[in-house]
C-alpha atoms as a PDB file:
ATOM      1  CA  ALA A   1      33.190  -4.870   3.431  1.00  0.00           C
ATOM      2  CA  MET A   2      32.688  -4.470  -0.335  1.00  0.00           C
ATOM      3  CA  ALA A   3      33.511  -8.109  -1.005  1.00  0.00           C
ATOM      4  CA  ALA A   4      31.118  -9.259   1.727  1.00  0.00           C
ATOM      5  CA  VAL A   5      28.294  -7.111   0.353  1.00  0.00           C
ATOM      6  CA  THR A   6      28.877  -8.372  -3.177  1.00  0.00           C
ATOM      7  CA  LYS A   7      28.959 -12.009  -2.023  1.00  0.00           C
ATOM      8  CA  ALA A   8      25.779 -11.538   0.025  1.00  0.00           C
ATOM      9  CA  ILE A   9      23.898 -10.108  -2.954  1.00  0.00           C
ATOM     10  CA  GLU A  10      25.104 -12.880  -5.247  1.00  0.00           C
ATOM     11  CA  ALA A  11      24.303 -15.538  -2.611  1.00  0.00           C
ATOM     12  CA  ALA A  12      20.715 -14.286  -2.365  1.00  0.00           C
ATOM     13  CA  LYS A  13      20.108 -15.669  -5.884  1.00  0.00           C
ATOM     14  CA  VAL A  14      17.483 -13.106  -6.787  1.00  0.00           C
ATOM     15  CA  GLY A  15      18.574 -12.812 -10.409  1.00  0.00           C
ATOM     16  CA  VAL A  16      20.672  -9.698  -9.882  1.00  0.00           C
ATOM     17  CA  SER A  17      24.097  -9.261 -11.424  1.00  0.00           C
ATOM     18  CA  VAL A  18      26.581  -7.339  -9.306  1.00  0.00           C
ATOM     19  CA  SER A  19      29.683  -5.321 -10.118  1.00  0.00           C
ATOM     20  CA  THR A  20      31.945  -3.225  -7.929  1.00  0.00           C
ATOM     21  CA  GLU A  21      33.696  -0.035  -8.907  1.00  0.00           C
ATOM     22  CA  GLY A  22      35.837   1.369  -6.130  1.00  0.00           C
ATOM     23  CA  ASN A  23      33.501   2.173  -3.247  1.00  0.00           C
ATOM     24  CA  VAL A  24      30.341   1.570  -5.307  1.00  0.00           C
ATOM     25  CA  VAL A  25      28.387  -1.668  -5.641  1.00  0.00           C
ATOM     26  CA  ARG A  26      26.094  -1.762  -8.670  1.00  0.00           C
ATOM     27  CA  ALA A  27      23.265  -4.270  -8.906  1.00  0.00           C
ATOM     28  CA  PHE A  28      21.727  -4.748 -12.343  1.00  0.00           C
ATOM     29  CA  LEU A  29      18.145  -5.932 -12.475  1.00  0.00           C
ATOM     30  CA  PRO A  30      17.005  -7.966 -15.483  1.00  0.00           C
ATOM     31  CA  PRO A  31      13.965  -6.751 -17.435  1.00  0.00           C
ATOM     32  CA  LEU A  32      10.625  -8.023 -16.137  1.00  0.00           C
ATOM     33  CA  SER A  33       9.088 -11.025 -17.863  1.00  0.00           C
ATOM     34  CA  GLU A  34       5.368 -10.987 -18.625  1.00  0.00           C
ATOM     35  CA  GLU A  35       4.800 -13.606 -15.944  1.00  0.00           C
ATOM     36  CA  ARG A  36       6.598 -11.517 -13.324  1.00  0.00           C
ATOM     37  CA  ARG A  37       4.623  -8.424 -14.389  1.00  0.00           C
ATOM     38  CA  GLN A  38       1.385 -10.328 -13.799  1.00  0.00           C
ATOM     39  CA  GLU A  39       2.588 -11.512 -10.376  1.00  0.00           C
ATOM     40  CA  LEU A  40       3.494  -7.960  -9.370  1.00  0.00           C
ATOM     41  CA  SER A  41       0.163  -6.655 -10.684  1.00  0.00           C
ATOM     42  CA  LYS A  42      -1.679  -9.184  -8.527  1.00  0.00           C
ATOM     43  CA  LEU A  43       0.431  -8.180  -5.545  1.00  0.00           C
ATOM     44  CA  VAL A  44      -0.375  -4.482  -6.089  1.00  0.00           C
ATOM     45  CA  LYS A  45      -4.096  -5.253  -6.268  1.00  0.00           C
ATOM     46  CA  LYS A  46      -3.901  -7.442  -3.160  1.00  0.00           C
ATOM     47  CA  VAL A  47      -2.122  -4.745  -1.137  1.00  0.00           C
ATOM     48  CA  ALA A  48      -4.662  -2.162  -2.322  1.00  0.00           C
ATOM     49  CA  GLU A  49      -7.568  -4.369  -1.253  1.00  0.00           C
ATOM     50  CA  GLU A  50      -5.964  -4.916   2.160  1.00  0.00           C
ATOM     51  CA  ALA A  51      -5.676  -1.139   2.544  1.00  0.00           C
ATOM     52  CA  ARG A  52      -9.352  -0.711   1.627  1.00  0.00           C
ATOM     53  CA  ILE A  53     -10.335  -3.372   4.173  1.00  0.00           C
ATOM     54  CA  LYS A  54      -8.345  -1.596   6.888  1.00  0.00           C
ATOM     55  CA  GLY A  55     -10.026   1.673   5.965  1.00  0.00           C
ATOM     56  CA  ARG A  56     -13.469   0.095   6.250  1.00  0.00           C
ATOM     57  CA  ALA A  57     -12.538  -1.426   9.607  1.00  0.00           C
ATOM     58  CA  HIS A  58     -11.480   1.988  10.916  1.00  0.00           C
ATOM     59  CA  ARG A  59     -14.705   3.480   9.565  1.00  0.00           C
ATOM     60  CA  ASP A  60     -16.772   0.832  11.349  1.00  0.00           C
ATOM     61  CA  GLU A  61     -14.875   1.481  14.568  1.00  0.00           C
ATOM     62  CA  ALA A  62     -15.508   5.224  14.275  1.00  0.00           C
ATOM     63  CA  MET A  63     -19.213   4.617  13.565  1.00  0.00           C
ATOM     64  CA  LYS A  64     -19.490   2.461  16.695  1.00  0.00           C
ATOM     65  CA  LYS A  65     -17.875   5.191  18.777  1.00  0.00           C
ATOM     66  CA  LEU A  66     -20.307   7.741  17.371  1.00  0.00           C
ATOM     67  CA  LYS A  67     -23.273   5.511  18.179  1.00  0.00           C
ATOM     68  CA  SER A  68     -22.044   4.910  21.715  1.00  0.00           C
ATOM     69  CA  ALA A  69     -21.528   8.655  22.193  1.00  0.00           C
ATOM     70  CA  GLU A  70     -25.083   9.263  21.041  1.00  0.00           C
ATOM     71  CA  ALA A  71     -26.403   6.531  23.339  1.00  0.00           C
ATOM     72  CA  ALA A  72     -24.502   8.037  26.283  1.00  0.00           C
ATOM     73  CA  LYS A  73     -25.962  11.460  25.426  1.00  0.00           C
ATOM     74  CA  ALA A  74     -22.420  12.805  24.905  1.00  0.00           C
ATOM     75  CA  ALA A  75     -23.306  13.869  21.352  1.00  0.00           C
ATOM     76  CA  THR A  76     -26.447  15.121  19.683  1.00  0.00           C
ATOM     77  CA  GLU A  77     -28.085  13.422  16.736  1.00  0.00           C
ATOM     78  CA  ASP A  78     -26.835  16.187  14.424  1.00  0.00           C
ATOM     79  CA  GLN A  79     -23.263  15.830  15.667  1.00  0.00           C
ATOM     80  CA  VAL A  80     -23.402  12.078  15.102  1.00  0.00           C
ATOM     81  CA  PHE A  81     -24.805  12.544  11.601  1.00  0.00           C
ATOM     82  CA  LYS A  82     -22.100  15.075  10.691  1.00  0.00           C
ATOM     83  CA  GLY A  83     -19.450  12.812  12.197  1.00  0.00           C
ATOM     84  CA  LYS A  84     -20.647   9.889  10.106  1.00  0.00           C
ATOM     85  CA  GLU A  85     -20.553  12.044   6.984  1.00  0.00           C
ATOM     86  CA  ARG A  86     -16.977  13.160   7.735  1.00  0.00           C
ATOM     87  CA  VAL A  87     -15.857   9.596   8.358  1.00  0.00           C
ATOM     88  CA  GLN A  88     -17.444   8.381   5.117  1.00  0.00           C
ATOM     89  CA  LYS A  89     -15.893  11.253   3.134  1.00  0.00           C
ATOM     90  CA  ALA A  90     -12.491  10.380   4.574  1.00  0.00           C
ATOM     91  CA  VAL A  91     -12.909   6.723   3.584  1.00  0.00           C
ATOM     92  CA  ASP A  92     -14.084   7.696   0.094  1.00  0.00           C
ATOM     93  CA  GLY A  93     -11.111  10.037  -0.341  1.00  0.00           C
ATOM     94  CA  THR A  94      -8.718   7.338   0.791  1.00  0.00           C
ATOM     95  CA  ASN A  95     -10.260   4.844  -1.624  1.00  0.00           C
ATOM     96  CA  LYS A  96      -9.822   7.329  -4.487  1.00  0.00           C
ATOM     97  CA  GLN A  97      -6.171   7.803  -3.541  1.00  0.00           C
ATOM     98  CA  ILE A  98      -5.679   4.042  -3.437  1.00  0.00           C
ATOM     99  CA  GLU A  99      -7.249   3.662  -6.893  1.00  0.00           C
ATOM    100  CA  THR A 100      -5.047   6.411  -8.313  1.00  0.00           C
ATOM    101  CA  LEU A 101      -1.930   4.811  -6.857  1.00  0.00           C
ATOM    102  CA  VAL A 102      -2.923   1.385  -8.183  1.00  0.00           C
ATOM    103  CA  GLU A 103      -3.481   2.766 -11.679  1.00  0.00           C
ATOM    104  CA  VAL A 104      -0.113   4.537 -11.639  1.00  0.00           C
ATOM    105  CA  LYS A 105       1.713   1.442 -10.371  1.00  0.00           C
ATOM    106  CA  LEU A 106       0.041  -0.879 -12.883  1.00  0.00           C
ATOM    107  CA  LYS A 107       0.896   1.502 -15.713  1.00  0.00           C
ATOM    108  CA  GLU A 108       4.481   1.641 -14.442  1.00  0.00           C
ATOM    109  CA  LEU A 109       4.694  -2.165 -14.399  1.00  0.00           C
ATOM    110  CA  GLN A 110       3.603  -2.367 -18.017  1.00  0.00           C
ATOM    111  CA  GLU A 111       6.459  -0.138 -19.205  1.00  0.00           C
END
């Protein structure tokens, strides 16, 4: 199976050099070029923005549910207001986490 794994990695042509030592397959990654760093940075930012968009979509969905609960008299105005605050705080906290992770990843890519 070692030979098959080594051949599969080499056949993928992803710029990885492969060596085998007994039962161990080692793949050596080349250093990142500046162009590749920029591509990865863009990808990180794109994924972060997609996560923010999903968070906003969930927030909007929760807000609609709160409004419908208020309209159906299942929740009071105060409960709806507090619910909206909690939802917004959760979205804000998630956005802060996303920003922190993006900063860490971008710094890591520049090393």
